[in-house]
PDB file of N, CA and C in Angstrom:
ATOM      1  N   UNK A   1       0.859  -1.403  -0.096  1.00  0.00           N
ATOM      2  CA  UNK A   1      -0.077  -0.121   0.094  1.00  0.00           C
ATOM      3  C   UNK A   1       0.815   1.085  -0.020  1.00  0.00           C
ATOM      4  N   UNK A   2       0.663   2.429  -0.988  1.00  0.00           N
ATOM      5  CA  UNK A   2       1.486   3.426  -0.965  1.00  0.00           C
ATOM      6  C   UNK A   2       0.814   5.081  -0.876  1.00  0.00           C
ATOM      7  N   UNK A   3       1.238   6.026  -1.239  1.00  0.00           N
ATOM      8  CA  UNK A   3       0.502   6.901  -1.128  1.00  0.00           C
ATOM      9  C   UNK A   3      -0.766   6.932  -2.136  1.00  0.00           C
ATOM     10  N   UNK A   4       0.146   6.516  -3.283  1.00  0.00           N
ATOM     11  CA  UNK A   4      -1.041   6.753  -4.446  1.00  0.00           C
ATOM     12  C   UNK A   4      -2.681   5.959  -4.246  1.00  0.00           C
ATOM     13  N   UNK A   5      -2.321   5.348  -3.423  1.00  0.00           N
ATOM     14  CA  UNK A   5      -3.998   4.704  -2.883  1.00  0.00           C
ATOM     15  C   UNK A   5      -4.137   4.580  -1.589  1.00  0.00           C
ATOM     16  N   UNK A   6      -3.999   5.770  -1.420  1.00  0.00           N
ATOM     17  CA  UNK A   6      -4.428   5.981   0.252  1.00  0.00           C
ATOM     18  C   UNK A   6      -5.620   7.021   0.505  1.00  0.00           C
ATOM     19  N   UNK A   7      -6.683   6.986   1.176  1.00  0.00           N
ATOM     20  CA  UNK A   7      -7.723   8.052   1.033  1.00  0.00           C
ATOM     21  C   UNK A   7      -7.244   9.126   0.491  1.00  0.00           C
ATOM     22  N   UNK A   8      -6.343   9.732   1.514  1.00  0.00           N
ATOM     23  CA  UNK A   8      -6.175  11.239   0.964  1.00  0.00           C
ATOM     24  C   UNK A   8      -5.978  11.527  -0.143  1.00  0.00           C
ATOM     25  N   UNK A   9      -4.738  10.964  -0.993  1.00  0.00           N
ATOM     26  CA  UNK A   9      -4.710  11.290  -2.173  1.00  0.00           C
ATOM     27  C   UNK A   9      -5.698  11.045  -3.201  1.00  0.00           C
ATOM     28  N   UNK A  10      -6.774  10.150  -2.701  1.00  0.00           N
ATOM     29  CA  UNK A  10      -7.951   8.919  -4.222  1.00  0.00           C
ATOM     30  C   UNK A  10      -9.325  10.343  -3.407  1.00  0.00           C
ATOM     31  N   UNK A  11      -9.022  10.735  -2.502  1.00  0.00           N
ATOM     32  CA  UNK A  11      -9.812  11.875  -2.395  1.00  0.00           C
ATOM     33  C   UNK A  11     -11.143  11.342  -1.428  1.00  0.00           C
ATOM     34  N   UNK A  12     -10.871   9.969  -0.908  1.00  0.00           N
ATOM     35  CA  UNK A  12     -12.211   9.405  -0.180  1.00  0.00           C
ATOM     36  C   UNK A  12     -12.060   9.614   1.276  1.00  0.00           C
ATOM     37  N   UNK A  13     -11.179  10.518   1.951  1.00  0.00           N
ATOM     38  CA  UNK A  13     -11.007  10.665   3.730  1.00  0.00           C
ATOM     39  C   UNK A  13      -9.725  11.279   3.336  1.00  0.00           C
ATOM     40  N   UNK A  14      -9.517  11.831   4.638  1.00  0.00           N
ATOM     41  CA  UNK A  14      -8.059  12.739   4.924  1.00  0.00           C
ATOM     42  C   UNK A  14      -7.094  11.850   5.310  1.00  0.00           C
ATOM     43  N   UNK A  15      -6.711  10.676   5.571  1.00  0.00           N
ATOM     44  CA  UNK A  15      -6.179  10.467   6.120  1.00  0.00           C
ATOM     45  C   UNK A  15      -5.154   9.147   4.970  1.00  0.00           C
ATOM     46  N   UNK A  16      -3.718   9.155   5.250  1.00  0.00           N
ATOM     47  CA  UNK A  16      -2.925   8.327   4.858  1.00  0.00           C
ATOM     48  C   UNK A  16      -2.926   6.772   5.401  1.00  0.00           C
ATOM     49  N   UNK A  17      -4.317   6.317   4.909  1.00  0.00           N
ATOM     50  CA  UNK A  17      -4.506   4.561   4.894  1.00  0.00           C
ATOM     51  C   UNK A  17      -5.502   3.928   4.003  1.00  0.00           C
ATOM     52  N   UNK A  18      -5.058   2.980   3.694  1.00  0.00           N
ATOM     53  CA  UNK A  18      -5.735   2.330   2.398  1.00  0.00           C
ATOM     54  C   UNK A  18      -7.136   3.106   1.954  1.00  0.00           C
ATOM     55  N   UNK A  19      -7.141   3.689   1.312  1.00  0.00           N
ATOM     56  CA  UNK A  19      -8.379   3.472   0.812  1.00  0.00           C
ATOM     57  C   UNK A  19      -9.480   3.101  -0.138  1.00  0.00           C
ATOM     58  N   UNK A  20     -10.511   2.897   0.879  1.00  0.00           N
ATOM     59  CA  UNK A  20     -11.890   2.305  -0.354  1.00  0.00           C
ATOM     60  C   UNK A  20     -12.165   2.155  -1.651  1.00  0.00           C
ATOM     61  N   UNK A  21     -12.143   3.178  -2.265  1.00  0.00           N
ATOM     62  CA  UNK A  21     -11.731   2.872  -3.503  1.00  0.00           C
ATOM     63  C   UNK A  21     -10.938   1.965  -4.116  1.00  0.00           C
ATOM     64  N   UNK A  22      -9.804   1.991  -3.783  1.00  0.00           N
ATOM     65  CA  UNK A  22      -8.893   1.137  -3.891  1.00  0.00           C
ATOM     66  C   UNK A  22      -8.973  -0.262  -3.636  1.00  0.00           C
ATOM     67  N   UNK A  23      -9.152  -0.274  -2.268  1.00  0.00           N
ATOM     68  CA  UNK A  23     -10.176  -2.091  -2.208  1.00  0.00           C
ATOM     69  C   UNK A  23     -10.281  -2.603  -2.896  1.00  0.00           C
ATOM     70  N   UNK A  24     -11.523  -1.328  -3.567  1.00  0.00           N
ATOM     71  CA  UNK A  24     -12.771  -1.833  -5.013  1.00  0.00           C
ATOM     72  C   UNK A  24     -12.327  -2.204  -6.313  1.00  0.00           C
ATOM     73  N   UNK A  25     -11.146  -0.993  -6.075  1.00  0.00           N
ATOM     74  CA  UNK A  25     -10.496  -1.405  -7.444  1.00  0.00           C
ATOM     75  C   UNK A  25      -9.696  -2.788  -7.336  1.00  0.00           C
ATOM     76  N   UNK A  26      -9.216  -3.178  -6.676  1.00  0.00           N
ATOM     77  CA  UNK A  26      -8.405  -4.380  -6.277  1.00  0.00           C
ATOM     78  C   UNK A  26      -9.312  -5.399  -6.529  1.00  0.00           C
ATOM     79  N   UNK A  27     -10.234  -5.760  -5.227  1.00  0.00           N
ATOM     80  CA  UNK A  27     -10.926  -6.382  -5.727  1.00  0.00           C
ATOM     81  C   UNK A  27     -11.892  -6.936  -7.026  1.00  0.00           C
ATOM     82  N   UNK A  28     -12.203  -5.964  -7.838  1.00  0.00           N
ATOM     83  CA  UNK A  28     -12.319  -5.881  -9.626  1.00  0.00           C
ATOM     84  C   UNK A  28     -11.421  -6.680 -10.010  1.00  0.00           C
ATOM     85  N   UNK A  29     -10.424  -6.204  -9.994  1.00  0.00           N
ATOM     86  CA  UNK A  29      -9.302  -7.242 -10.573  1.00  0.00           C
ATOM     87  C   UNK A  29      -9.007  -7.872 -10.204  1.00  0.00           C
ATOM     88  N   UNK A  30      -9.134  -8.178  -9.248  1.00  0.00           N
ATOM     89  CA  UNK A  30      -8.744  -9.810  -8.859  1.00  0.00           C
ATOM     90  C   UNK A  30      -9.380 -10.937  -9.304  1.00  0.00           C
ATOM     91  N   UNK A  31     -10.977 -10.555  -9.362  1.00  0.00           N
ATOM     92  CA  UNK A  31     -12.163 -11.208 -10.053  1.00  0.00           C
ATOM     93  C   UNK A  31     -11.664 -11.317 -11.678  1.00  0.00           C
ATOM     94  N   UNK A  32     -11.678 -10.403 -11.955  1.00  0.00           N
ATOM     95  CA  UNK A  32     -11.814 -10.514 -13.378  1.00  0.00           C
ATOM     96  C   UNK A  32     -10.845 -11.168 -13.688  1.00  0.00           C
ATOM     97  N   UNK A  33      -9.703 -11.124 -13.183  1.00  0.00           N
ATOM     98  CA  UNK A  33      -8.084 -11.956 -13.943  1.00  0.00           C
ATOM     99  C   UNK A  33      -8.690 -13.244 -13.826  1.00  0.00           C
ATOM    100  N   UNK A  34      -9.211 -13.118 -12.391  1.00  0.00           N
ATOM    101  CA  UNK A  34      -9.213 -14.865 -11.648  1.00  0.00           C
ATOM    102  C   UNK A  34     -10.053 -15.829 -12.816  1.00  0.00           C
ATOM    103  N   UNK A  35     -10.949 -15.448 -13.796  1.00  0.00           N
ATOM    104  CA  UNK A  35     -11.915 -15.528 -14.555  1.00  0.00           C
ATOM    105  C   UNK A  35     -11.524 -15.776 -16.119  1.00  0.00           C
ATOM    106  N   UNK A  36     -10.997 -14.522 -16.364  1.00  0.00           N
ATOM    107  CA  UNK A  36     -10.405 -14.307 -17.872  1.00  0.00           C
ATOM    108  C   UNK A  36      -9.859 -15.380 -18.643  1.00  0.00           C
ATOM    109  N   UNK A  37      -9.095 -16.111 -17.911  1.00  0.00           N
ATOM    110  CA  UNK A  37      -8.351 -17.496 -18.805  1.00  0.00           C
ATOM    111  C   UNK A  37      -9.281 -18.457 -18.937  1.00  0.00           C
ATOM    112  N   UNK A  38     -10.440 -18.661 -18.472  1.00  0.00           N
ATOM    113  CA  UNK A  38     -11.467 -19.376 -18.879  1.00  0.00           C
ATOM    114  C   UNK A  38     -12.357 -18.880 -19.685  1.00  0.00           C
ATOM    115  N   UNK A  39     -12.584 -18.015 -20.646  1.00  0.00           N
ATOM    116  CA  UNK A  39     -13.658 -17.204 -21.222  1.00  0.00           C
ATOM    117  C   UNK A  39     -13.147 -16.949 -22.697  1.00  0.00           C
ATOM    118  N   UNK A  40     -14.293 -17.337 -23.990  1.00  0.00           N
ATOM    119  CA  UNK A  40     -13.757 -17.679 -24.901  1.00  0.00           C
ATOM    120  C   UNK A  40     -12.992 -16.078 -25.598  1.00  0.00           C
ATOM    121  N   UNK A  41     -12.592 -16.313 -26.712  1.00  0.00           N
ATOM    122  CA  UNK A  41     -12.002 -15.522 -27.418  1.00  0.00           C
ATOM    123  C   UNK A  41     -12.868 -14.212 -27.880  1.00  0.00           C
ATOM    124  N   UNK A  42     -12.444 -12.814 -27.243  1.00  0.00           N
ATOM    125  CA  UNK A  42     -13.122 -12.062 -27.666  1.00  0.00           C
ATOM    126  C   UNK A  42     -14.064 -11.586 -26.812  1.00  0.00           C
ATOM    127  N   UNK A  43     -14.133 -12.366 -25.065  1.00  0.00           N
ATOM    128  CA  UNK A  43     -15.059 -12.268 -23.857  1.00  0.00           C
ATOM    129  C   UNK A  43     -14.149 -11.401 -22.886  1.00  0.00           C
ATOM    130  N   UNK A  44     -14.915 -10.522 -22.239  1.00  0.00           N
ATOM    131  CA  UNK A  44     -14.454 -10.463 -21.111  1.00  0.00           C
ATOM    132  C   UNK A  44     -15.540 -10.551 -20.093  1.00  0.00           C
ATOM    133  N   UNK A  45     -15.314  -9.453 -18.807  1.00  0.00           N
ATOM    134  CA  UNK A  45     -16.493  -9.346 -17.516  1.00  0.00           C
ATOM    135  C   UNK A  45     -16.632  -7.677 -17.108  1.00  0.00           C
ATOM    136  N   UNK A  46     -17.629  -7.729 -16.872  1.00  0.00           N
ATOM    137  CA  UNK A  46     -18.136  -6.343 -16.356  1.00  0.00           C
ATOM    138  C   UNK A  46     -18.790  -6.249 -15.180  1.00  0.00           C
ATOM    139  N   UNK A  47     -17.916  -5.885 -14.258  1.00  0.00           N
ATOM    140  CA  UNK A  47     -18.669  -5.580 -12.256  1.00  0.00           C
ATOM    141  C   UNK A  47     -20.082  -4.911 -12.604  1.00  0.00           C
ATOM    142  N   UNK A  48     -20.809  -5.250 -11.884  1.00  0.00           N
ATOM    143  CA  UNK A  48     -22.361  -4.740 -12.036  1.00  0.00           C
ATOM    144  C   UNK A  48     -22.998  -4.806 -10.415  1.00  0.00           C
ATOM    145  N   UNK A  49     -22.202  -5.336  -9.400  1.00  0.00           N
ATOM    146  CA  UNK A  49     -22.557  -4.742  -8.033  1.00  0.00           C
ATOM    147  C   UNK A  49     -21.439  -5.610  -7.524  1.00  0.00           C
ATOM    148  N   UNK A  50     -21.774  -4.490  -6.287  1.00  0.00           N
ATOM    149  CA  UNK A  50     -20.805  -4.739  -5.317  1.00  0.00           C
ATOM    150  C   UNK A  50     -20.947  -4.604  -3.755  1.00  0.00           C
ATOM    151  N   UNK A  51     -21.110  -5.553  -3.258  1.00  0.00           N
ATOM    152  CA  UNK A  51     -21.738  -5.658  -1.389  1.00  0.00           C
ATOM    153  C   UNK A  51     -20.445  -6.317  -0.012  1.00  0.00           C
ATOM    154  N   UNK A  52     -19.427  -4.933  -0.225  1.00  0.00           N
ATOM    155  CA  UNK A  52     -18.542  -5.462   0.208  1.00  0.00           C
ATOM    156  C   UNK A  52     -18.611  -4.018   1.238  1.00  0.00           C
ATOM    157  N   UNK A  53     -17.413  -4.868   2.671  1.00  0.00           N
ATOM    158  CA  UNK A  53     -17.746  -3.404   3.955  1.00  0.00           C
ATOM    159  C   UNK A  53     -15.783  -3.907   3.952  1.00  0.00           C
ATOM    160  N   UNK A  54     -15.661  -2.628   4.354  1.00  0.00           N
ATOM    161  CA  UNK A  54     -14.193  -2.223   4.645  1.00  0.00           C
ATOM    162  C   UNK A  54     -13.657  -2.325   5.889  1.00  0.00           C
ATOM    163  N   UNK A  55     -13.666  -3.105   6.840  1.00  0.00           N
ATOM    164  CA  UNK A  55     -13.856  -3.105   8.389  1.00  0.00           C
ATOM    165  C   UNK A  55     -12.304  -2.838   9.188  1.00  0.00           C
ATOM    166  N   UNK A  56     -11.588  -2.478   8.389  1.00  0.00           N
ATOM    167  CA  UNK A  56     -10.082  -2.367   9.353  1.00  0.00           C
ATOM    168  C   UNK A  56      -8.882  -1.503   7.868  1.00  0.00           C
ATOM    169  N   UNK A  57      -8.206  -0.595   8.736  1.00  0.00           N
ATOM    170  CA  UNK A  57      -7.698   0.112   7.958  1.00  0.00           C
ATOM    171  C   UNK A  57      -6.132  -0.266   8.050  1.00  0.00           C
ATOM    172  N   UNK A  58      -5.317   0.274   6.974  1.00  0.00           N
ATOM    173  CA  UNK A  58      -3.942  -0.405   6.616  1.00  0.00           C
ATOM    174  C   UNK A  58      -3.136   1.304   6.469  1.00  0.00           C
ATOM    175  N   UNK A  59      -2.033   1.311   7.350  1.00  0.00           N
ATOM    176  CA  UNK A  59      -1.579   2.381   7.321  1.00  0.00           C
ATOM    177  C   UNK A  59       0.071   1.774   5.768  1.00  0.00           C
ATOM    178  N   UNK A  60       0.018   2.832   5.393  1.00  0.00           N
ATOM    179  CA  UNK A  60       1.189   3.059   4.414  1.00  0.00           C
ATOM    180  C   UNK A  60       2.158   1.862   4.786  1.00  0.00           C
ATOM    181  N   UNK A  61       2.846   1.388   3.678  1.00  0.00           N
ATOM    182  CA  UNK A  61       4.002   0.172   3.856  1.00  0.00           C
ATOM    183  C   UNK A  61       3.206  -0.973   3.706  1.00  0.00           C
ATOM    184  N   UNK A  62       2.538  -1.429   4.273  1.00  0.00           N
ATOM    185  CA  UNK A  62       1.991  -2.634   4.205  1.00  0.00           C
ATOM    186  C   UNK A  62       1.295  -3.141   3.195  1.00  0.00           C
ATOM    187  N   UNK A  63       1.572  -4.652   2.650  1.00  0.00           N
ATOM    188  CA  UNK A  63       1.225  -4.901   1.392  1.00  0.00           C
ATOM    189  C   UNK A  63      -0.505  -5.324   1.878  1.00  0.00           C
ATOM    190  N   UNK A  64      -1.015  -5.491   0.638  1.00  0.00           N
ATOM    191  CA  UNK A  64      -2.705  -5.366   0.592  1.00  0.00           C
ATOM    192  C   UNK A  64      -2.792  -6.623  -0.863  1.00  0.00           C
ATOM    193  N   UNK A  65      -3.755  -7.671  -0.488  1.00  0.00           N
ATOM    194  CA  UNK A  65      -4.039  -8.350  -1.838  1.00  0.00           C
ATOM    195  C   UNK A  65      -5.610  -8.776  -1.081  1.00  0.00           C
ATOM    196  N   UNK A  66      -5.705  -9.437  -2.630  1.00  0.00           N
ATOM    197  CA  UNK A  66      -7.316  -9.722  -1.894  1.00  0.00           C
ATOM    198  C   UNK A  66      -7.366 -11.450  -3.080  1.00  0.00           C
ATOM    199  N   UNK A  67      -8.282 -12.141  -2.044  1.00  0.00           N
ATOM    200  CA  UNK A  67      -7.948 -13.319  -2.410  1.00  0.00           C
ATOM    201  C   UNK A  67     -10.073 -13.661  -3.024  1.00  0.00           C
ATOM    202  N   UNK A  68     -10.919 -14.366  -4.086  1.00  0.00           N
ATOM    203  CA  UNK A  68     -11.740 -14.103  -4.600  1.00  0.00           C
ATOM    204  C   UNK A  68     -12.243 -16.020  -4.910  1.00  0.00           C
ATOM    205  N   UNK A  69     -13.330 -16.129  -4.534  1.00  0.00           N
ATOM    206  CA  UNK A  69     -13.627 -17.239  -4.748  1.00  0.00           C
ATOM    207  C   UNK A  69     -15.264 -17.373  -5.624  1.00  0.00           C
ATOM    208  N   UNK A  70     -15.261 -17.942  -7.057  1.00  0.00           N
ATOM    209  CA  UNK A  70     -16.189 -18.031  -7.667  1.00  0.00           C
ATOM    210  C   UNK A  70     -17.658 -18.623  -6.794  1.00  0.00           C
ATOM    211  N   UNK A  71     -18.123 -18.212  -6.330  1.00  0.00           N
ATOM    212  CA  UNK A  71     -19.723 -19.134  -5.723  1.00  0.00           C
ATOM    213  C   UNK A  71     -20.840 -19.257  -6.474  1.00  0.00           C
ATOM    214  N   UNK A  72     -20.948 -18.718  -7.761  1.00  0.00           N
ATOM    215  CA  UNK A  72     -22.110 -18.828  -8.569  1.00  0.00           C
ATOM    216  C   UNK A  72     -22.044 -18.241  -9.874  1.00  0.00           C
ATOM    217  N   UNK A  73     -22.309 -19.587 -10.980  1.00  0.00           N
ATOM    218  CA  UNK A  73     -22.589 -18.859 -11.902  1.00  0.00           C
ATOM    219  C   UNK A  73     -24.016 -18.921 -12.396  1.00  0.00           C
ATOM    220  N   UNK A  74     -24.414 -18.504 -12.755  1.00  0.00           N
ATOM    221  CA  UNK A  74     -25.738 -18.034 -13.357  1.00  0.00           C
ATOM    222  C   UNK A  74     -26.154 -17.589 -14.981  1.00  0.00           C
ATOM    223  N   UNK A  75     -25.590 -18.426 -15.875  1.00  0.00           N
ATOM    224  CA  UNK A  75     -25.422 -18.646 -17.185  1.00  0.00           C
ATOM    225  C   UNK A  75     -24.248 -17.595 -17.616  1.00  0.00           C
ATOM    226  N   UNK A  76     -24.656 -15.893 -17.782  1.00  0.00           N
ATOM    227  CA  UNK A  76     -23.559 -15.000 -18.141  1.00  0.00           C
ATOM    228  C   UNK A  76     -22.950 -14.483 -16.138  1.00  0.00           C
ATOM    229  N   UNK A  77     -23.668 -14.711 -15.477  1.00  0.00           N
ATOM    230  CA  UNK A  77     -23.556 -13.663 -14.673  1.00  0.00           C
ATOM    231  C   UNK A  77     -22.935 -14.701 -13.078  1.00  0.00           C
ATOM    232  N   UNK A  78     -21.726 -13.931 -12.808  1.00  0.00           N
ATOM    233  CA  UNK A  78     -20.893 -14.724 -12.042  1.00  0.00           C
ATOM    234  C   UNK A  78     -20.520 -13.743 -10.398  1.00  0.00           C
ATOM    235  N   UNK A  79     -20.619 -14.668  -9.662  1.00  0.00           N
ATOM    236  CA  UNK A  79     -20.427 -14.161  -8.174  1.00  0.00           C
ATOM    237  C   UNK A  79     -19.366 -14.666  -7.633  1.00  0.00           C
ATOM    238  N   UNK A  80     -18.729 -13.630  -6.805  1.00  0.00           N
ATOM    239  CA  UNK A  80     -17.811 -14.430  -6.030  1.00  0.00           C
ATOM    240  C   UNK A  80     -17.659 -13.206  -4.692  1.00  0.00           C
ATOM    241  N   UNK A  81     -17.153 -14.327  -3.581  1.00  0.00           N
ATOM    242  CA  UNK A  81     -17.490 -13.996  -2.363  1.00  0.00           C
ATOM    243  C   UNK A  81     -15.536 -13.607  -2.241  1.00  0.00           C
ATOM    244  N   UNK A  82     -15.488 -12.131  -1.837  1.00  0.00           N
ATOM    245  CA  UNK A  82     -14.624 -11.640  -1.927  1.00  0.00           C
ATOM    246  C   UNK A  82     -13.780 -11.428  -0.341  1.00  0.00           C
ATOM    247  N   UNK A  83     -12.229 -11.650  -0.357  1.00  0.00           N
ATOM    248  CA  UNK A  83     -11.941 -11.217   1.160  1.00  0.00           C
ATOM    249  C   UNK A  83     -10.416 -10.198   0.994  1.00  0.00           C
ATOM    250  N   UNK A  84     -10.179  -9.058   1.540  1.00  0.00           N
ATOM    251  CA  UNK A  84      -8.881  -8.690   1.413  1.00  0.00           C
ATOM    252  C   UNK A  84      -8.256  -8.525   2.431  1.00  0.00           C
ATOM    253  N   UNK A  85      -7.016  -8.641   2.307  1.00  0.00           N
ATOM    254  CA  UNK A  85      -5.996  -8.395   3.502  1.00  0.00           C
ATOM    255  C   UNK A  85      -4.995  -7.686   3.670  1.00  0.00           C
ATOM    256  N   UNK A  86      -4.535  -7.655   4.691  1.00  0.00           N
ATOM    257  CA  UNK A  86      -3.210  -6.371   4.341  1.00  0.00           C
ATOM    258  C   UNK A  86      -2.307  -7.780   5.565  1.00  0.00           C
ATOM    259  N   UNK A  87      -1.140  -7.410   5.971  1.00  0.00           N
ATOM    260  CA  UNK A  87      -0.136  -8.012   6.417  1.00  0.00           C
ATOM    261  C   UNK A  87      -0.632  -8.197   7.734  1.00  0.00           C
ATOM    262  N   UNK A  88      -1.816  -7.703   8.041  1.00  0.00           N
ATOM    263  CA  UNK A  88      -1.727  -8.484   9.569  1.00  0.00           C
ATOM    264  C   UNK A  88      -3.100  -8.673   9.824  1.00  0.00           C
ATOM    265  N   UNK A  89      -3.840  -8.369   9.547  1.00  0.00           N
ATOM    266  CA  UNK A  89      -5.469  -8.917   9.229  1.00  0.00           C
ATOM    267  C   UNK A  89      -6.162  -9.039   8.144  1.00  0.00           C
ATOM    268  N   UNK A  90      -7.235  -9.136   8.476  1.00  0.00           N
ATOM    269  CA  UNK A  90      -8.295  -9.005   7.047  1.00  0.00           C
ATOM    270  C   UNK A  90      -9.329  -7.840   7.196  1.00  0.00           C
ATOM    271  N   UNK A  91      -8.932  -6.529   5.829  1.00  0.00           N
ATOM    272  CA  UNK A  91      -9.557  -5.852   5.918  1.00  0.00           C
ATOM    273  C   UNK A  91     -10.710  -5.062   5.646  1.00  0.00           C
ATOM    274  N   UNK A  92     -10.907  -6.409   4.568  1.00  0.00           N
ATOM    275  CA  UNK A  92     -12.596  -6.060   3.769  1.00  0.00           C
ATOM    276  C   UNK A  92     -12.960  -7.680   3.543  1.00  0.00           C
ATOM    277  N   UNK A  93     -14.367  -7.233   2.971  1.00  0.00           N
ATOM    278  CA  UNK A  93     -14.845  -8.944   3.340  1.00  0.00           C
ATOM    279  C   UNK A  93     -15.954  -8.640   2.387  1.00  0.00           C
ATOM    280  N   UNK A  94     -16.916  -9.459   1.361  1.00  0.00           N
ATOM    281  CA  UNK A  94     -17.930  -9.138   0.786  1.00  0.00           C
ATOM    282  C   UNK A  94     -18.471 -10.348  -0.334  1.00  0.00           C
ATOM    283  N   UNK A  95     -19.133  -9.712  -1.333  1.00  0.00           N
ATOM    284  CA  UNK A  95     -19.666 -10.055  -2.750  1.00  0.00           C
ATOM    285  C   UNK A  95     -19.422  -9.071  -3.852  1.00  0.00           C
ATOM    286  N   UNK A  96     -18.957  -9.381  -4.973  1.00  0.00           N
ATOM    287  CA  UNK A  96     -19.022  -8.694  -6.168  1.00  0.00           C
ATOM    288  C   UNK A  96     -19.738  -9.779  -7.619  1.00  0.00           C
ATOM    289  N   UNK A  97     -20.142  -8.951  -8.553  1.00  0.00           N
ATOM    290  CA  UNK A  97     -21.353  -9.995  -9.291  1.00  0.00           C
ATOM    291  C   UNK A  97     -20.400  -9.372 -10.230  1.00  0.00           C
ATOM    292  N   UNK A  98     -19.954 -10.446 -11.581  1.00  0.00           N
ATOM    293  CA  UNK A  98     -19.648  -9.627 -13.086  1.00  0.00           C
ATOM    294  C   UNK A  98     -20.577 -10.621 -13.820  1.00  0.00           C
ATOM    295  N   UNK A  99     -20.661 -10.146 -15.099  1.00  0.00           N
ATOM    296  CA  UNK A  99     -21.568 -10.312 -16.457  1.00  0.00           C
ATOM    297  C   UNK A  99     -20.124 -10.971 -17.051  1.00  0.00           C
ATOM    298  N   UNK A 100     -20.438 -11.999 -17.837  1.00  0.00           N
ATOM    299  CA  UNK A 100     -19.860 -12.161 -18.898  1.00  0.00           C
ATOM    300  C   UNK A 100     -20.509 -11.278 -20.400  1.00  0.00           C
ATOM    301  N   UNK A 101     -19.320 -10.787 -20.740  1.00  0.00           N
ATOM    302  CA  UNK A 101     -19.845 -10.190 -22.122  1.00  0.00           C
ATOM    303  C   UNK A 101     -18.815 -10.047 -23.414  1.00  0.00           C
ATOM    304  N   UNK A 102     -19.555 -10.175 -24.654  1.00  0.00           N
ATOM    305  CA  UNK A 102     -18.615 -10.008 -25.688  1.00  0.00           C
ATOM    306  C   UNK A 102     -18.021  -8.346 -25.772  1.00  0.00           C
ATOM    307  N   UNK A 103     -16.594  -8.244 -25.532  1.00  0.00           N
ATOM    308  CA  UNK A 103     -16.078  -7.229 -25.820  1.00  0.00           C
ATOM    309  C   UNK A 103     -16.522  -6.037 -26.586  1.00  0.00           C
ATOM    310  N   UNK A 104     -16.288  -6.316 -27.640  1.00  0.00           N
ATOM    311  CA  UNK A 104     -16.513  -5.831 -28.512  1.00  0.00           C
ATOM    312  C   UNK A 104     -18.180  -5.018 -29.019  1.00  0.00           C
ATOM    313  N   UNK A 105     -18.885  -5.706 -28.615  1.00  0.00           N
ATOM    314  CA  UNK A 105     -20.083  -5.147 -29.040  1.00  0.00           C
ATOM    315  C   UNK A 105     -20.566  -4.591 -27.428  1.00  0.00           C
ATOM    316  N   UNK A 106     -20.164  -5.196 -26.326  1.00  0.00           N
ATOM    317  CA  UNK A 106     -20.357  -4.462 -24.978  1.00  0.00           C
ATOM    318  C   UNK A 106     -19.668  -2.508 -25.514  1.00  0.00           C
ATOM    319  N   UNK A 107     -18.316  -2.399 -26.109  1.00  0.00           N
ATOM    320  CA  UNK A 107     -17.741  -1.569 -26.216  1.00  0.00           C
ATOM    321  C   UNK A 107     -18.369  -0.448 -27.621  1.00  0.00           C
ATOM    322  N   UNK A 108     -19.176  -1.237 -28.299  1.00  0.00           N
ATOM    323  CA  UNK A 108     -19.402  -0.599 -29.329  1.00  0.00           C
ATOM    324  C   UNK A 108     -21.191   0.006 -28.841  1.00  0.00           C
ATOM    325  N   UNK A 109     -21.677  -0.177 -28.042  1.00  0.00           N
ATOM    326  CA  UNK A 109     -22.768  -0.134 -27.290  1.00  0.00           C
ATOM    327  C   UNK A 109     -22.549   0.723 -26.454  1.00  0.00           C
ATOM    328  N   UNK A 110     -21.072   1.481 -25.773  1.00  0.00           N
ATOM    329  CA  UNK A 110     -21.283   2.659 -24.764  1.00  0.00           C
ATOM    330  C   UNK A 110     -20.771   3.787 -26.132  1.00  0.00           C
ATOM    331  N   UNK A 111     -19.882   3.880 -26.827  1.00  0.00           N
ATOM    332  CA  UNK A 111     -19.308   4.257 -27.801  1.00  0.00           C
ATOM    333  C   UNK A 111     -20.587   5.153 -28.587  1.00  0.00           C
ATOM    334  N   UNK A 112     -21.720   4.318 -29.010  1.00  0.00           N
ATOM    335  CA  UNK A 112     -23.103   4.882 -29.571  1.00  0.00           C
ATOM    336  C   UNK A 112     -23.621   5.461 -28.830  1.00  0.00           C
ATOM    337  N   UNK A 113     -23.351   5.811 -27.250  1.00  0.00           N
ATOM    338  CA  UNK A 113     -23.983   6.952 -26.602  1.00  0.00           C
ATOM    339  C   UNK A 113     -23.611   8.084 -26.762  1.00  0.00           C
ATOM    340  N   UNK A 114     -21.760   8.430 -27.383  1.00  0.00           N
ATOM    341  CA  UNK A 114     -21.814   9.719 -27.646  1.00  0.00           C
ATOM    342  C   UNK A 114     -22.401  10.348 -28.736  1.00  0.00           C
ATOM    343  N   UNK A 115     -23.267   9.103 -29.549  1.00  0.00           N
ATOM    344  CA  UNK A 115     -24.307   9.882 -31.019  1.00  0.00           C
ATOM    345  C   UNK A 115     -25.936  10.621 -30.089  1.00  0.00           C
TER     346      UNK A 115
END
């Protein structure tokens, strides 16, 4: 954990502790990377729902990581149990939902909003 991902730098608080937005980004990255190798060419996932608690603070200098477990597959919907740790204790926990998408079609639909 560095100053780059602390609450003071990210604007989510005034202290130099691990920011909740940084924890959310770590959860999303951990989950998408855990399933990407199993997806078909041209597919990816997008996050759609988070239900997590940031339960302990982490000072600058401690290593932070996330562990995820895919607990449910419902067609294209994936649900993960997530836990986030620093070198001393669990700092976050909850669930994260992602959907499998066709990258090209998804991006085209997003770009169409510009018109």
